[in-house]
Amino acid sequence: MDVKNYLTVAKVAEKLDLTEERVRELINLKQIRATKIKRWRIAPEDLEEFVKTRTNK
């Protein structure tokens, strides 16, 4: 596990054009997988999976 590649809540909020508060809500609702390493961190592949689940089919 390379923690250096993990994204912060702020970076995820920026990428998704959401507020940091909304990203934290999604984490708490278990819609975005995150790992607590001092603060919440999101693996790039978990962010990708979240986006895929939101994609129209």
PDB file of N, CA and C in Angstrom:
ATOM      1  N   MET A   1       0.858  -1.182   0.000  1.00  0.00           N
ATOM      2  CA  MET A   1       0.000   0.000   0.000  1.00  0.00           C
ATOM      3  C   MET A   1       0.897   1.236   0.000  1.00  0.00           C
ATOM      4  N   ASP A   2       0.782   2.040  -1.062  1.00  0.00           N
ATOM      5  CA  ASP A   2       1.562   3.256  -1.164  1.00  0.00           C
ATOM      6  C   ASP A   2       0.683   4.450  -0.812  1.00  0.00           C
ATOM      7  N   VAL A   3       0.787   4.909   0.416  1.00  0.00           N
ATOM      8  CA  VAL A   3      -0.072   5.972   0.941  1.00  0.00           C
ATOM      9  C   VAL A   3       0.169   7.300   0.221  1.00  0.00           C
ATOM     10  N   LYS A   4       1.335   7.465  -0.371  1.00  0.00           N
ATOM     11  CA  LYS A   4       1.652   8.715  -1.061  1.00  0.00           C
ATOM     12  C   LYS A   4       0.693   8.994  -2.210  1.00  0.00           C
ATOM     13  N   ASN A   5       0.120   7.952  -2.791  1.00  0.00           N
ATOM     14  CA  ASN A   5      -0.800   8.128  -3.916  1.00  0.00           C
ATOM     15  C   ASN A   5      -2.235   8.403  -3.485  1.00  0.00           C
ATOM     16  N   TYR A   6      -2.519   8.262  -2.205  1.00  0.00           N
ATOM     17  CA  TYR A   6      -3.881   8.487  -1.719  1.00  0.00           C
ATOM     18  C   TYR A   6      -4.237   9.965  -1.833  1.00  0.00           C
ATOM     19  N   LEU A   7      -5.513  10.226  -2.065  1.00  0.00           N
ATOM     20  CA  LEU A   7      -6.004  11.589  -2.236  1.00  0.00           C
ATOM     21  C   LEU A   7      -6.616  12.113  -0.942  1.00  0.00           C
ATOM     22  N   THR A   8      -6.460  13.395  -0.718  1.00  0.00           N
ATOM     23  CA  THR A   8      -7.090  14.024   0.439  1.00  0.00           C
ATOM     24  C   THR A   8      -8.547  14.335   0.109  1.00  0.00           C
ATOM     25  N   VAL A   9      -9.321  14.632   1.136  1.00  0.00           N
ATOM     26  CA  VAL A   9     -10.715  15.032   0.943  1.00  0.00           C
ATOM     27  C   VAL A   9     -10.761  16.288   0.073  1.00  0.00           C
ATOM     28  N   ALA A  10      -9.846  17.220   0.310  1.00  0.00           N
ATOM     29  CA  ALA A  10      -9.819  18.461  -0.471  1.00  0.00           C
ATOM     30  C   ALA A  10      -9.580  18.187  -1.952  1.00  0.00           C
ATOM     31  N   LYS A  11      -8.659  17.274  -2.260  1.00  0.00           N
ATOM     32  CA  LYS A  11      -8.344  16.949  -3.651  1.00  0.00           C
ATOM     33  C   LYS A  11      -9.528  16.259  -4.323  1.00  0.00           C
ATOM     34  N   VAL A  12     -10.183  15.356  -3.606  1.00  0.00           N
ATOM     35  CA  VAL A  12     -11.351  14.667  -4.157  1.00  0.00           C
ATOM     36  C   VAL A  12     -12.483  15.674  -4.396  1.00  0.00           C
ATOM     37  N   ALA A  13     -12.686  16.573  -3.459  1.00  0.00           N
ATOM     38  CA  ALA A  13     -13.723  17.606  -3.618  1.00  0.00           C
ATOM     39  C   ALA A  13     -13.445  18.437  -4.864  1.00  0.00           C
ATOM     40  N   GLU A  14     -12.195  18.788  -5.068  1.00  0.00           N
ATOM     41  CA  GLU A  14     -11.809  19.572  -6.240  1.00  0.00           C
ATOM     42  C   GLU A  14     -12.066  18.788  -7.533  1.00  0.00           C
ATOM     43  N   LYS A  15     -11.673  17.523  -7.549  1.00  0.00           N
ATOM     44  CA  LYS A  15     -11.848  16.687  -8.749  1.00  0.00           C
ATOM     45  C   LYS A  15     -13.325  16.485  -9.085  1.00  0.00           C
ATOM     46  N   LEU A  16     -14.172  16.345  -8.070  1.00  0.00           N
ATOM     47  CA  LEU A  16     -15.594  16.076  -8.291  1.00  0.00           C
ATOM     48  C   LEU A  16     -16.449  17.339  -8.300  1.00  0.00           C
ATOM     49  N   ASP A  17     -15.817  18.483  -8.071  1.00  0.00           N
ATOM     50  CA  ASP A  17     -16.523  19.764  -7.986  1.00  0.00           C
ATOM     51  C   ASP A  17     -17.608  19.724  -6.903  1.00  0.00           C
ATOM     52  N   LEU A  18     -17.205  19.204  -5.739  1.00  0.00           N
ATOM     53  CA  LEU A  18     -18.064  19.135  -4.565  1.00  0.00           C
ATOM     54  C   LEU A  18     -17.385  19.883  -3.424  1.00  0.00           C
ATOM     55  N   THR A  19     -18.140  20.109  -2.352  1.00  0.00           N
ATOM     56  CA  THR A  19     -17.519  20.681  -1.156  1.00  0.00           C
ATOM     57  C   THR A  19     -16.826  19.571  -0.372  1.00  0.00           C
ATOM     58  N   GLU A  20     -15.874  19.953   0.444  1.00  0.00           N
ATOM     59  CA  GLU A  20     -15.214  18.967   1.312  1.00  0.00           C
ATOM     60  C   GLU A  20     -16.225  18.339   2.259  1.00  0.00           C
ATOM     61  N   GLU A  21     -17.165  19.133   2.722  1.00  0.00           N
ATOM     62  CA  GLU A  21     -18.209  18.621   3.620  1.00  0.00           C
ATOM     63  C   GLU A  21     -19.014  17.516   2.933  1.00  0.00           C
ATOM     64  N   ARG A  22     -19.357  17.719   1.658  1.00  0.00           N
ATOM     65  CA  ARG A  22     -20.133  16.716   0.926  1.00  0.00           C
ATOM     66  C   ARG A  22     -19.322  15.435   0.736  1.00  0.00           C
ATOM     67  N   VAL A  23     -18.032  15.566   0.463  1.00  0.00           N
ATOM     68  CA  VAL A  23     -17.177  14.384   0.323  1.00  0.00           C
ATOM     69  C   VAL A  23     -17.152  13.619   1.639  1.00  0.00           C
ATOM     70  N   ARG A  24     -17.039  14.316   2.748  1.00  0.00           N
ATOM     71  CA  ARG A  24     -17.045  13.646   4.061  1.00  0.00           C
ATOM     72  C   ARG A  24     -18.386  12.948   4.306  1.00  0.00           C
ATOM     73  N   GLU A  25     -19.486  13.578   3.880  1.00  0.00           N
ATOM     74  CA  GLU A  25     -20.808  12.941   4.000  1.00  0.00           C
ATOM     75  C   GLU A  25     -20.834  11.631   3.220  1.00  0.00           C
ATOM     76  N   LEU A  26     -20.320  11.667   1.994  1.00  0.00           N
ATOM     77  CA  LEU A  26     -20.293  10.463   1.159  1.00  0.00           C
ATOM     78  C   LEU A  26     -19.431   9.376   1.788  1.00  0.00           C
ATOM     79  N   ILE A  27     -18.354   9.777   2.439  1.00  0.00           N
ATOM     80  CA  ILE A  27     -17.519   8.808   3.160  1.00  0.00           C
ATOM     81  C   ILE A  27     -18.315   8.207   4.321  1.00  0.00           C
ATOM     82  N   ASN A  28     -18.975   9.059   5.099  1.00  0.00           N
ATOM     83  CA  ASN A  28     -19.759   8.584   6.239  1.00  0.00           C
ATOM     84  C   ASN A  28     -20.924   7.694   5.808  1.00  0.00           C
ATOM     85  N   LEU A  29     -21.469   7.969   4.626  1.00  0.00           N
ATOM     86  CA  LEU A  29     -22.558   7.143   4.084  1.00  0.00           C
ATOM     87  C   LEU A  29     -22.028   5.881   3.411  1.00  0.00           C
ATOM     88  N   LYS A  30     -20.709   5.722   3.443  1.00  0.00           N
ATOM     89  CA  LYS A  30     -20.020   4.564   2.859  1.00  0.00           C
ATOM     90  C   LYS A  30     -20.236   4.468   1.350  1.00  0.00           C
ATOM     91  N   GLN A  31     -20.395   5.618   0.700  1.00  0.00           N
ATOM     92  CA  GLN A  31     -20.518   5.641  -0.748  1.00  0.00           C
ATOM     93  C   GLN A  31     -19.150   5.808  -1.409  1.00  0.00           C
ATOM     94  N   ILE A  32     -18.224   6.440  -0.688  1.00  0.00           N
ATOM     95  CA  ILE A  32     -16.834   6.523  -1.131  1.00  0.00           C
ATOM     96  C   ILE A  32     -15.996   5.807  -0.082  1.00  0.00           C
ATOM     97  N   ARG A  33     -15.209   4.824  -0.521  1.00  0.00           N
ATOM     98  CA  ARG A  33     -14.314   4.125   0.416  1.00  0.00           C
ATOM     99  C   ARG A  33     -13.174   5.053   0.779  1.00  0.00           C
ATOM    100  N   ALA A  34     -12.842   5.079   2.050  1.00  0.00           N
ATOM    101  CA  ALA A  34     -11.750   5.921   2.522  1.00  0.00           C
ATOM    102  C   ALA A  34     -11.051   5.237   3.683  1.00  0.00           C
ATOM    103  N   THR A  35      -9.821   5.649   3.903  1.00  0.00           N
ATOM    104  CA  THR A  35      -9.006   5.117   4.987  1.00  0.00           C
ATOM    105  C   THR A  35      -8.593   6.280   5.875  1.00  0.00           C
ATOM    106  N   LYS A  36      -8.695   6.074   7.170  1.00  0.00           N
ATOM    107  CA  LYS A  36      -8.321   7.134   8.111  1.00  0.00           C
ATOM    108  C   LYS A  36      -6.827   7.006   8.423  1.00  0.00           C
ATOM    109  N   ILE A  37      -6.039   7.930   7.908  1.00  0.00           N
ATOM    110  CA  ILE A  37      -4.606   8.012   8.189  1.00  0.00           C
ATOM    111  C   ILE A  37      -4.387   9.450   8.656  1.00  0.00           C
ATOM    112  N   LYS A  38      -4.549   9.659   9.946  1.00  0.00           N
ATOM    113  CA  LYS A  38      -4.624  10.989  10.563  1.00  0.00           C
ATOM    114  C   LYS A  38      -5.893  11.703  10.107  1.00  0.00           C
ATOM    115  N   ARG A  39      -6.063  11.803   8.798  1.00  0.00           N
ATOM    116  CA  ARG A  39      -7.275  12.367   8.196  1.00  0.00           C
ATOM    117  C   ARG A  39      -7.749  11.363   7.149  1.00  0.00           C
ATOM    118  N   TRP A  40      -8.961  11.584   6.642  1.00  0.00           N
ATOM    119  CA  TRP A  40      -9.468  10.691   5.615  1.00  0.00           C
ATOM    120  C   TRP A  40      -8.625  10.789   4.361  1.00  0.00           C
ATOM    121  N   ARG A  41      -8.320   9.626   3.774  1.00  0.00           N
ATOM    122  CA  ARG A  41      -7.584   9.525   2.506  1.00  0.00           C
ATOM    123  C   ARG A  41      -8.349   8.558   1.609  1.00  0.00           C
ATOM    124  N   ILE A  42      -8.364   8.868   0.319  1.00  0.00           N
ATOM    125  CA  ILE A  42      -9.098   8.050  -0.638  1.00  0.00           C
ATOM    126  C   ILE A  42      -8.111   7.523  -1.673  1.00  0.00           C
ATOM    127  N   ALA A  43      -8.130   6.217  -1.874  1.00  0.00           N
ATOM    128  CA  ALA A  43      -7.287   5.604  -2.894  1.00  0.00           C
ATOM    129  C   ALA A  43      -7.835   5.991  -4.266  1.00  0.00           C
ATOM    130  N   PRO A  44      -6.954   6.290  -5.212  1.00  0.00           N
ATOM    131  CA  PRO A  44      -7.426   6.679  -6.556  1.00  0.00           C
ATOM    132  C   PRO A  44      -8.380   5.660  -7.169  1.00  0.00           C
ATOM    133  N   GLU A  45      -8.110   4.376  -6.946  1.00  0.00           N
ATOM    134  CA  GLU A  45      -9.003   3.354  -7.516  1.00  0.00           C
ATOM    135  C   GLU A  45     -10.376   3.368  -6.843  1.00  0.00           C
ATOM    136  N   ASP A  46     -10.452   3.764  -5.573  1.00  0.00           N
ATOM    137  CA  ASP A  46     -11.752   3.861  -4.896  1.00  0.00           C
ATOM    138  C   ASP A  46     -12.547   5.054  -5.426  1.00  0.00           C
ATOM    139  N   LEU A  47     -11.855   6.127  -5.753  1.00  0.00           N
ATOM    140  CA  LEU A  47     -12.531   7.280  -6.355  1.00  0.00           C
ATOM    141  C   LEU A  47     -13.050   6.895  -7.739  1.00  0.00           C
ATOM    142  N   GLU A  48     -12.245   6.179  -8.490  1.00  0.00           N
ATOM    143  CA  GLU A  48     -12.651   5.725  -9.817  1.00  0.00           C
ATOM    144  C   GLU A  48     -13.887   4.828  -9.720  1.00  0.00           C
ATOM    145  N   GLU A  49     -13.900   3.931  -8.744  1.00  0.00           N
ATOM    146  CA  GLU A  49     -15.051   3.043  -8.541  1.00  0.00           C
ATOM    147  C   GLU A  49     -16.299   3.840  -8.194  1.00  0.00           C
ATOM    148  N   PHE A  50     -16.168   4.851  -7.356  1.00  0.00           N
ATOM    149  CA  PHE A  50     -17.302   5.710  -6.992  1.00  0.00           C
ATOM    150  C   PHE A  50     -17.875   6.373  -8.245  1.00  0.00           C
ATOM    151  N   VAL A  51     -17.003   6.905  -9.089  1.00  0.00           N
ATOM    152  CA  VAL A  51     -17.455   7.566 -10.305  1.00  0.00           C
ATOM    153  C   VAL A  51     -18.158   6.560 -11.224  1.00  0.00           C
ATOM    154  N   LYS A  52     -17.620   5.364 -11.344  1.00  0.00           N
ATOM    155  CA  LYS A  52     -18.245   4.334 -12.194  1.00  0.00           C
ATOM    156  C   LYS A  52     -19.648   3.989 -11.715  1.00  0.00           C
ATOM    157  N   THR A  53     -19.844   3.942 -10.396  1.00  0.00           N
ATOM    158  CA  THR A  53     -21.185   3.600  -9.872  1.00  0.00           C
ATOM    159  C   THR A  53     -22.187   4.713 -10.145  1.00  0.00           C
ATOM    160  N   ARG A  54     -21.707   5.898 -10.441  1.00  0.00           N
ATOM    161  CA  ARG A  54     -22.578   7.039 -10.720  1.00  0.00           C
ATOM    162  C   ARG A  54     -22.826   7.245 -12.222  1.00  0.00           C
ATOM    163  N   THR A  55     -22.188   6.414 -13.040  1.00  0.00           N
ATOM    164  CA  THR A  55     -22.272   6.592 -14.488  1.00  0.00           C
ATOM    165  C   THR A  55     -23.581   6.032 -15.034  1.00  0.00           C
ATOM    166  N   ASN A  56     -24.190   6.796 -15.901  1.00  0.00           N
ATOM    167  CA  ASN A  56     -25.406   6.364 -16.565  1.00  0.00           C
ATOM    168  C   ASN A  56     -25.111   5.217 -17.516  1.00  0.00           C
ATOM    169  N   LYS A  57     -25.981   4.229 -17.551  1.00  0.00           N
ATOM    170  CA  LYS A  57     -25.725   3.075 -18.432  1.00  0.00           C
ATOM    171  C   LYS A  57     -26.657   3.058 -19.596  1.00  0.00           C
TER     172      LYS A  57
END
